[in-house]
Amino acid sequence: FVTPQFKFDNADETGLSSADLYAALIRIRGRKLVLMDTCHSGSVQNAEYVRALTPDGVGPVVLTSCSRAEFSFEFDDIKQGLFTR
């Protein structure tokens, strides 16, 4: 996963792997919700790295802000998407 500080030349240090996200999520008790507020975020619904968050078929609910063919709407005045807001 690409974070706001992501740099291609230092992807391991500035990105977030699905394994690291899963490890963080399993330490949190209760139900989990992952919101993905990025352009084309709907493309992750069947992606291998999202399925890795639910290795036993049970895991967080993942909601995306748009389909794989859409751009996520961002407000100019607040510099973020609706999910993030």
PDB file of N, CA and C in Angstrom:
ATOM      1  N   PHE A   1       0.848  -1.172   0.000  1.00  0.00           N
ATOM      2  CA  PHE A   1       0.000   0.000   0.000  1.00  0.00           C
ATOM      3  C   PHE A   1       0.893   1.234   0.000  1.00  0.00           C
ATOM      4  N   VAL A   2       0.479   2.232  -0.742  1.00  0.00           N
ATOM      5  CA  VAL A   2       1.246   3.460  -0.867  1.00  0.00           C
ATOM      6  C   VAL A   2       0.755   4.453   0.169  1.00  0.00           C
ATOM      7  N   THR A   3       1.666   4.942   0.974  1.00  0.00           N
ATOM      8  CA  THR A   3       1.344   5.916   2.013  1.00  0.00           C
ATOM      9  C   THR A   3       1.615   7.325   1.490  1.00  0.00           C
ATOM     10  N   PRO A   4       1.163   8.374   2.204  1.00  0.00           N
ATOM     11  CA  PRO A   4       1.443   9.739   1.735  1.00  0.00           C
ATOM     12  C   PRO A   4       2.936  10.040   1.606  1.00  0.00           C
ATOM     13  N   GLN A   5       3.766   9.373   2.378  1.00  0.00           N
ATOM     14  CA  GLN A   5       5.209   9.620   2.337  1.00  0.00           C
ATOM     15  C   GLN A   5       5.942   8.671   1.394  1.00  0.00           C
ATOM     16  N   PHE A   6       5.219   7.913   0.584  1.00  0.00           N
ATOM     17  CA  PHE A   6       5.810   6.881  -0.269  1.00  0.00           C
ATOM     18  C   PHE A   6       6.830   7.446  -1.241  1.00  0.00           C
ATOM     19  N   LYS A   7       7.946   6.723  -1.358  1.00  0.00           N
ATOM     20  CA  LYS A   7       8.987   7.051  -2.330  1.00  0.00           C
ATOM     21  C   LYS A   7       9.372   5.746  -3.040  1.00  0.00           C
ATOM     22  N   PHE A   8       9.332   5.762  -4.374  1.00  0.00           N
ATOM     23  CA  PHE A   8       9.628   4.557  -5.146  1.00  0.00           C
ATOM     24  C   PHE A   8      11.010   4.002  -4.844  1.00  0.00           C
ATOM     25  N   ASP A   9      11.980   4.879  -4.617  1.00  0.00           N
ATOM     26  CA  ASP A   9      13.341   4.410  -4.375  1.00  0.00           C
ATOM     27  C   ASP A   9      13.525   3.863  -2.962  1.00  0.00           C
ATOM     28  N   ASN A  10      12.506   3.988  -2.116  1.00  0.00           N
ATOM     29  CA  ASN A  10      12.586   3.474  -0.749  1.00  0.00           C
ATOM     30  C   ASN A  10      11.233   2.859  -0.362  1.00  0.00           C
ATOM     31  N   ALA A  11      10.712   2.020  -1.254  1.00  0.00           N
ATOM     32  CA  ALA A  11       9.369   1.468  -1.090  1.00  0.00           C
ATOM     33  C   ALA A  11       9.210   0.641   0.190  1.00  0.00           C
ATOM     34  N   ASP A  12      10.215  -0.129   0.560  1.00  0.00           N
ATOM     35  CA  ASP A  12      10.108  -0.967   1.759  1.00  0.00           C
ATOM     36  C   ASP A  12       9.950  -0.156   3.036  1.00  0.00           C
ATOM     37  N   GLU A  13      10.554   1.016   3.075  1.00  0.00           N
ATOM     38  CA  GLU A  13      10.511   1.858   4.267  1.00  0.00           C
ATOM     39  C   GLU A  13       9.341   2.843   4.270  1.00  0.00           C
ATOM     40  N   THR A  14       8.865   3.238   3.089  1.00  0.00           N
ATOM     41  CA  THR A  14       7.832   4.271   3.014  1.00  0.00           C
ATOM     42  C   THR A  14       6.459   3.729   2.642  1.00  0.00           C
ATOM     43  N   GLY A  15       6.384   2.477   2.225  1.00  0.00           N
ATOM     44  CA  GLY A  15       5.110   1.840   1.899  1.00  0.00           C
ATOM     45  C   GLY A  15       4.643   0.966   3.049  1.00  0.00           C
ATOM     46  N   LEU A  16       3.497   0.345   2.852  1.00  0.00           N
ATOM     47  CA  LEU A  16       2.933  -0.534   3.881  1.00  0.00           C
ATOM     48  C   LEU A  16       2.525  -1.832   3.210  1.00  0.00           C
ATOM     49  N   SER A  17       3.117  -2.924   3.622  1.00  0.00           N
ATOM     50  CA  SER A  17       2.769  -4.220   3.030  1.00  0.00           C
ATOM     51  C   SER A  17       1.462  -4.725   3.628  1.00  0.00           C
ATOM     52  N   SER A  18       0.776  -5.594   2.896  1.00  0.00           N
ATOM     53  CA  SER A  18      -0.455  -6.166   3.438  1.00  0.00           C
ATOM     54  C   SER A  18      -0.147  -7.000   4.679  1.00  0.00           C
ATOM     55  N   ALA A  19       1.042  -7.613   4.735  1.00  0.00           N
ATOM     56  CA  ALA A  19       1.425  -8.392   5.920  1.00  0.00           C
ATOM     57  C   ALA A  19       1.560  -7.489   7.148  1.00  0.00           C
ATOM     58  N   ASP A  20       2.173  -6.300   6.968  1.00  0.00           N
ATOM     59  CA  ASP A  20       2.307  -5.360   8.087  1.00  0.00           C
ATOM     60  C   ASP A  20       0.955  -4.811   8.517  1.00  0.00           C
ATOM     61  N   LEU A  21       0.089  -4.508   7.535  1.00  0.00           N
ATOM     62  CA  LEU A  21      -1.247  -4.021   7.872  1.00  0.00           C
ATOM     63  C   LEU A  21      -2.034  -5.093   8.612  1.00  0.00           C
ATOM     64  N   TYR A  22      -1.962  -6.326   8.139  1.00  0.00           N
ATOM     65  CA  TYR A  22      -2.657  -7.438   8.794  1.00  0.00           C
ATOM     66  C   TYR A  22      -2.138  -7.621  10.222  1.00  0.00           C
ATOM     67  N   ALA A  23      -0.828  -7.558  10.401  1.00  0.00           N
ATOM     68  CA  ALA A  23      -0.255  -7.722  11.747  1.00  0.00           C
ATOM     69  C   ALA A  23      -0.765  -6.641  12.694  1.00  0.00           C
ATOM     70  N   ALA A  24      -0.902  -5.419  12.191  1.00  0.00           N
ATOM     71  CA  ALA A  24      -1.422  -4.328  13.025  1.00  0.00           C
ATOM     72  C   ALA A  24      -2.903  -4.532  13.318  1.00  0.00           C
ATOM     73  N   LEU A  25      -3.660  -4.985  12.325  1.00  0.00           N
ATOM     74  CA  LEU A  25      -5.099  -5.175  12.516  1.00  0.00           C
ATOM     75  C   LEU A  25      -5.419  -6.293  13.504  1.00  0.00           C
ATOM     76  N   ILE A  26      -4.643  -7.375  13.484  1.00  0.00           N
ATOM     77  CA  ILE A  26      -4.969  -8.483  14.392  1.00  0.00           C
ATOM     78  C   ILE A  26      -4.682  -8.136  15.850  1.00  0.00           C
ATOM     79  N   ARG A  27      -3.876  -7.109  16.096  1.00  0.00           N
ATOM     80  CA  ARG A  27      -3.624  -6.678  17.473  1.00  0.00           C
ATOM     81  C   ARG A  27      -4.776  -5.844  18.032  1.00  0.00           C
ATOM     82  N   ILE A  28      -5.667  -5.384  17.150  1.00  0.00           N
ATOM     83  CA  ILE A  28      -6.803  -4.584  17.588  1.00  0.00           C
ATOM     84  C   ILE A  28      -7.985  -5.512  17.849  1.00  0.00           C
ATOM     85  N   ARG A  29      -8.542  -5.419  19.046  1.00  0.00           N
ATOM     86  CA  ARG A  29      -9.687  -6.256  19.389  1.00  0.00           C
ATOM     87  C   ARG A  29     -10.941  -5.709  18.723  1.00  0.00           C
ATOM     88  N   GLY A  30     -11.836  -6.587  18.344  1.00  0.00           N
ATOM     89  CA  GLY A  30     -13.108  -6.176  17.777  1.00  0.00           C
ATOM     90  C   GLY A  30     -13.113  -6.207  16.258  1.00  0.00           C
ATOM     91  N   ARG A  31     -14.183  -5.711  15.707  1.00  0.00           N
ATOM     92  CA  ARG A  31     -14.350  -5.683  14.258  1.00  0.00           C
ATOM     93  C   ARG A  31     -13.546  -4.543  13.650  1.00  0.00           C
ATOM     94  N   LYS A  32     -13.109  -4.758  12.424  1.00  0.00           N
ATOM     95  CA  LYS A  32     -12.272  -3.761  11.752  1.00  0.00           C
ATOM     96  C   LYS A  32     -12.916  -3.301  10.458  1.00  0.00           C
ATOM     97  N   LEU A  33     -12.665  -2.050  10.119  1.00  0.00           N
ATOM     98  CA  LEU A  33     -13.123  -1.453   8.880  1.00  0.00           C
ATOM     99  C   LEU A  33     -11.942  -0.742   8.242  1.00  0.00           C
ATOM    100  N   VAL A  34     -11.626  -1.079   6.994  1.00  0.00           N
ATOM    101  CA  VAL A  34     -10.547  -0.437   6.261  1.00  0.00           C
ATOM    102  C   VAL A  34     -11.186   0.401   5.166  1.00  0.00           C
ATOM    103  N   LEU A  35     -10.954   1.724   5.202  1.00  0.00           N
ATOM    104  CA  LEU A  35     -11.455   2.641   4.179  1.00  0.00           C
ATOM    105  C   LEU A  35     -10.312   2.988   3.239  1.00  0.00           C
ATOM    106  N   MET A  36     -10.532   2.819   1.967  1.00  0.00           N
ATOM    107  CA  MET A  36      -9.506   3.130   0.973  1.00  0.00           C
ATOM    108  C   MET A  36      -9.997   4.319   0.160  1.00  0.00           C
ATOM    109  N   ASP A  37      -9.407   5.481   0.405  1.00  0.00           N
ATOM    110  CA  ASP A  37      -9.810   6.735  -0.234  1.00  0.00           C
ATOM    111  C   ASP A  37      -8.792   7.117  -1.295  1.00  0.00           C
ATOM    112  N   THR A  38      -8.746   6.332  -2.367  1.00  0.00           N
ATOM    113  CA  THR A  38      -7.792   6.581  -3.446  1.00  0.00           C
ATOM    114  C   THR A  38      -8.464   6.370  -4.795  1.00  0.00           C
ATOM    115  N   CYS A  39      -7.928   6.998  -5.813  1.00  0.00           N
ATOM    116  CA  CYS A  39      -8.422   6.780  -7.159  1.00  0.00           C
ATOM    117  C   CYS A  39      -8.260   5.304  -7.528  1.00  0.00           C
ATOM    118  N   HIS A  40      -9.240   4.776  -8.217  1.00  0.00           N
ATOM    119  CA  HIS A  40      -9.235   3.385  -8.694  1.00  0.00           C
ATOM    120  C   HIS A  40      -9.185   2.372  -7.544  1.00  0.00           C
ATOM    121  N   SER A  41      -9.560   2.780  -6.334  1.00  0.00           N
ATOM    122  CA  SER A  41      -9.447   1.899  -5.166  1.00  0.00           C
ATOM    123  C   SER A  41     -10.324   0.660  -5.271  1.00  0.00           C
ATOM    124  N   GLY A  42     -11.378   0.710  -6.076  1.00  0.00           N
ATOM    125  CA  GLY A  42     -12.238  -0.452  -6.240  1.00  0.00           C
ATOM    126  C   GLY A  42     -11.541  -1.632  -6.878  1.00  0.00           C
ATOM    127  N   SER A  43     -10.406  -1.393  -7.507  1.00  0.00           N
ATOM    128  CA  SER A  43      -9.669  -2.486  -8.143  1.00  0.00           C
ATOM    129  C   SER A  43      -9.050  -3.441  -7.125  1.00  0.00           C
ATOM    130  N   VAL A  44      -9.010  -3.054  -5.868  1.00  0.00           N
ATOM    131  CA  VAL A  44      -8.389  -3.915  -4.852  1.00  0.00           C
ATOM    132  C   VAL A  44      -9.342  -4.976  -4.319  1.00  0.00           C
ATOM    133  N   GLN A  45     -10.612  -4.899  -4.649  1.00  0.00           N
ATOM    134  CA  GLN A  45     -11.594  -5.815  -4.076  1.00  0.00           C
ATOM    135  C   GLN A  45     -11.249  -7.272  -4.298  1.00  0.00           C
ATOM    136  N   ASN A  46     -10.676  -7.605  -5.427  1.00  0.00           N
ATOM    137  CA  ASN A  46     -10.292  -8.984  -5.701  1.00  0.00           C
ATOM    138  C   ASN A  46      -8.785  -9.169  -5.765  1.00  0.00           C
ATOM    139  N   ALA A  47      -8.051  -8.155  -5.342  1.00  0.00           N
ATOM    140  CA  ALA A  47      -6.596  -8.216  -5.428  1.00  0.00           C
ATOM    141  C   ALA A  47      -6.022  -9.135  -4.364  1.00  0.00           C
ATOM    142  N   GLU A  48      -4.923  -9.750  -4.696  1.00  0.00           N
ATOM    143  CA  GLU A  48      -4.265 -10.705  -3.795  1.00  0.00           C
ATOM    144  C   GLU A  48      -3.860 -10.070  -2.475  1.00  0.00           C
ATOM    145  N   TYR A  49      -3.383  -8.822  -2.494  1.00  0.00           N
ATOM    146  CA  TYR A  49      -2.925  -8.184  -1.265  1.00  0.00           C
ATOM    147  C   TYR A  49      -4.069  -7.852  -0.323  1.00  0.00           C
ATOM    148  N   VAL A  50      -5.271  -7.648  -0.826  1.00  0.00           N
ATOM    149  CA  VAL A  50      -6.417  -7.435   0.057  1.00  0.00           C
ATOM    150  C   VAL A  50      -6.903  -8.781   0.587  1.00  0.00           C
ATOM    151  N   ARG A  51      -6.894  -9.810  -0.247  1.00  0.00           N
ATOM    152  CA  ARG A  51      -7.264 -11.153   0.235  1.00  0.00           C
ATOM    153  C   ARG A  51      -6.305 -11.612   1.334  1.00  0.00           C
ATOM    154  N   ALA A  52      -5.073 -11.119   1.305  1.00  0.00           N
ATOM    155  CA  ALA A  52      -4.110 -11.476   2.348  1.00  0.00           C
ATOM    156  C   ALA A  52      -4.540 -10.950   3.714  1.00  0.00           C
ATOM    157  N   LEU A  53      -5.411  -9.931   3.741  1.00  0.00           N
ATOM    158  CA  LEU A  53      -5.908  -9.413   5.017  1.00  0.00           C
ATOM    159  C   LEU A  53      -6.943 -10.343   5.635  1.00  0.00           C
ATOM    160  N   THR A  54      -7.457 -11.282   4.855  1.00  0.00           N
ATOM    161  CA  THR A  54      -8.467 -12.224   5.340  1.00  0.00           C
ATOM    162  C   THR A  54      -8.033 -13.656   5.033  1.00  0.00           C
ATOM    163  N   PRO A  55      -6.937 -14.115   5.621  1.00  0.00           N
ATOM    164  CA  PRO A  55      -6.389 -15.420   5.251  1.00  0.00           C
ATOM    165  C   PRO A  55      -7.328 -16.589   5.529  1.00  0.00           C
ATOM    166  N   ASP A  56      -8.198 -16.476   6.509  1.00  0.00           N
ATOM    167  CA  ASP A  56      -9.138 -17.552   6.820  1.00  0.00           C
ATOM    168  C   ASP A  56     -10.540 -17.237   6.319  1.00  0.00           C
ATOM    169  N   GLY A  57     -10.644 -16.237   5.452  1.00  0.00           N
ATOM    170  CA  GLY A  57     -11.946 -15.830   4.960  1.00  0.00           C
ATOM    171  C   GLY A  57     -12.686 -14.915   5.927  1.00  0.00           C
ATOM    172  N   VAL A  58     -12.047 -14.607   7.042  1.00  0.00           N
ATOM    173  CA  VAL A  58     -12.637 -13.711   8.034  1.00  0.00           C
ATOM    174  C   VAL A  58     -11.642 -12.592   8.280  1.00  0.00           C
ATOM    175  N   GLY A  59     -12.105 -11.384   8.233  1.00  0.00           N
ATOM    176  CA  GLY A  59     -11.188 -10.281   8.434  1.00  0.00           C
ATOM    177  C   GLY A  59     -11.921  -8.958   8.388  1.00  0.00           C
ATOM    178  N   PRO A  60     -11.192  -7.886   8.127  1.00  0.00           N
ATOM    179  CA  PRO A  60     -11.812  -6.566   8.132  1.00  0.00           C
ATOM    180  C   PRO A  60     -12.733  -6.368   6.933  1.00  0.00           C
ATOM    181  N   VAL A  61     -13.704  -5.508   7.111  1.00  0.00           N
ATOM    182  CA  VAL A  61     -14.527  -5.059   5.996  1.00  0.00           C
ATOM    183  C   VAL A  61     -13.719  -3.994   5.264  1.00  0.00           C
ATOM    184  N   VAL A  62     -13.640  -4.081   3.955  1.00  0.00           N
ATOM    185  CA  VAL A  62     -12.883  -3.120   3.159  1.00  0.00           C
ATOM    186  C   VAL A  62     -13.870  -2.348   2.284  1.00  0.00           C
ATOM    187  N   LEU A  63     -13.933  -1.021   2.495  1.00  0.00           N
ATOM    188  CA  LEU A  63     -14.777  -0.146   1.682  1.00  0.00           C
ATOM    189  C   LEU A  63     -13.873   0.754   0.849  1.00  0.00           C
ATOM    190  N   THR A  64     -14.210   0.863  -0.429  1.00  0.00           N
ATOM    191  CA  THR A  64     -13.429   1.709  -1.313  1.00  0.00           C
ATOM    192  C   THR A  64     -14.261   2.917  -1.741  1.00  0.00           C
ATOM    193  N   SER A  65     -13.599   4.017  -2.019  1.00  0.00           N
ATOM    194  CA  SER A  65     -14.299   5.262  -2.337  1.00  0.00           C
ATOM    195  C   SER A  65     -14.801   5.335  -3.771  1.00  0.00           C
ATOM    196  N   CYS A  66     -14.355   4.429  -4.610  1.00  0.00           N
ATOM    197  CA  CYS A  66     -14.797   4.453  -6.007  1.00  0.00           C
ATOM    198  C   CYS A  66     -14.518   3.097  -6.648  1.00  0.00           C
ATOM    199  N   SER A  67     -14.988   2.944  -7.867  1.00  0.00           N
ATOM    200  CA  SER A  67     -14.741   1.703  -8.591  1.00  0.00           C
ATOM    201  C   SER A  67     -13.347   1.730  -9.210  1.00  0.00           C
ATOM    202  N   ARG A  68     -12.968   0.625  -9.820  1.00  0.00           N
ATOM    203  CA  ARG A  68     -11.632   0.550 -10.414  1.00  0.00           C
ATOM    204  C   ARG A  68     -11.470   1.484 -11.606  1.00  0.00           C
ATOM    205  N   ALA A  69     -12.567   1.937 -12.197  1.00  0.00           N
ATOM    206  CA  ALA A  69     -12.490   2.814 -13.366  1.00  0.00           C
ATOM    207  C   ALA A  69     -12.713   4.282 -13.016  1.00  0.00           C
ATOM    208  N   GLU A  70     -12.849   4.601 -11.735  1.00  0.00           N
ATOM    209  CA  GLU A  70     -13.175   5.964 -11.329  1.00  0.00           C
ATOM    210  C   GLU A  70     -12.040   6.637 -10.572  1.00  0.00           C
ATOM    211  N   PHE A  71     -12.115   7.961 -10.545  1.00  0.00           N
ATOM    212  CA  PHE A  71     -11.214   8.751  -9.720  1.00  0.00           C
ATOM    213  C   PHE A  71     -11.935   9.085  -8.421  1.00  0.00           C
ATOM    214  N   SER A  72     -11.232   9.075  -7.340  1.00  0.00           N
ATOM    215  CA  SER A  72     -11.803   9.423  -6.046  1.00  0.00           C
ATOM    216  C   SER A  72     -11.943  10.940  -5.971  1.00  0.00           C
ATOM    217  N   PHE A  73     -13.107  11.422  -5.547  1.00  0.00           N
ATOM    218  CA  PHE A  73     -13.362  12.860  -5.489  1.00  0.00           C
ATOM    219  C   PHE A  73     -12.588  13.487  -4.341  1.00  0.00           C
ATOM    220  N   GLU A  74     -11.952  14.609  -4.617  1.00  0.00           N
ATOM    221  CA  GLU A  74     -11.211  15.338  -3.594  1.00  0.00           C
ATOM    222  C   GLU A  74     -11.631  16.802  -3.619  1.00  0.00           C
ATOM    223  N   PHE A  75     -11.883  17.348  -2.438  1.00  0.00           N
ATOM    224  CA  PHE A  75     -12.248  18.754  -2.315  1.00  0.00           C
ATOM    225  C   PHE A  75     -10.990  19.615  -2.360  1.00  0.00           C
ATOM    226  N   ASP A  76     -10.988  20.645  -3.198  1.00  0.00           N
ATOM    227  CA  ASP A  76      -9.829  21.529  -3.306  1.00  0.00           C
ATOM    228  C   ASP A  76      -9.550  22.275  -2.007  1.00  0.00           C
ATOM    229  N   ASP A  77     -10.614  22.720  -1.327  1.00  0.00           N
ATOM    230  CA  ASP A  77     -10.416  23.543  -0.136  1.00  0.00           C
ATOM    231  C   ASP A  77      -9.916  22.764   1.076  1.00  0.00           C
ATOM    232  N   ILE A  78     -10.184  21.456   1.137  1.00  0.00           N
ATOM    233  CA  ILE A  78      -9.702  20.680   2.292  1.00  0.00           C
ATOM    234  C   ILE A  78      -8.580  19.709   1.924  1.00  0.00           C
ATOM    235  N   LYS A  79      -8.268  19.615   0.628  1.00  0.00           N
ATOM    236  CA  LYS A  79      -7.154  18.795   0.135  1.00  0.00           C
ATOM    237  C   LYS A  79      -7.233  17.334   0.567  1.00  0.00           C
ATOM    238  N   GLN A  80      -8.459  16.790   0.584  1.00  0.00           N
ATOM    239  CA  GLN A  80      -8.625  15.375   0.911  1.00  0.00           C
ATOM    240  C   GLN A  80      -9.942  14.873   0.335  1.00  0.00           C
ATOM    241  N   GLY A  81     -10.064  13.563   0.297  1.00  0.00           N
ATOM    242  CA  GLY A  81     -11.275  12.951  -0.216  1.00  0.00           C
ATOM    243  C   GLY A  81     -12.367  12.894   0.837  1.00  0.00           C
ATOM    244  N   LEU A  82     -13.556  12.542   0.386  1.00  0.00           N
ATOM    245  CA  LEU A  82     -14.707  12.491   1.278  1.00  0.00           C
ATOM    246  C   LEU A  82     -14.542  11.433   2.366  1.00  0.00           C
ATOM    247  N   PHE A  83     -14.028  10.247   2.036  1.00  0.00           N
ATOM    248  CA  PHE A  83     -13.798   9.219   3.052  1.00  0.00           C
ATOM    249  C   PHE A  83     -12.849   9.726   4.127  1.00  0.00           C
ATOM    250  N   THR A  84     -11.769  10.366   3.698  1.00  0.00           N
ATOM    251  CA  THR A  84     -10.776  10.874   4.644  1.00  0.00           C
ATOM    252  C   THR A  84     -11.381  11.958   5.527  1.00  0.00           C
ATOM    253  N   ARG A  85     -12.178  12.807   4.944  1.00  0.00           N
ATOM    254  CA  ARG A  85     -12.824  13.885   5.706  1.00  0.00           C
ATOM    255  C   ARG A  85     -13.746  13.292   6.751  1.00  0.00           C
TER     256      ARG A  85
END
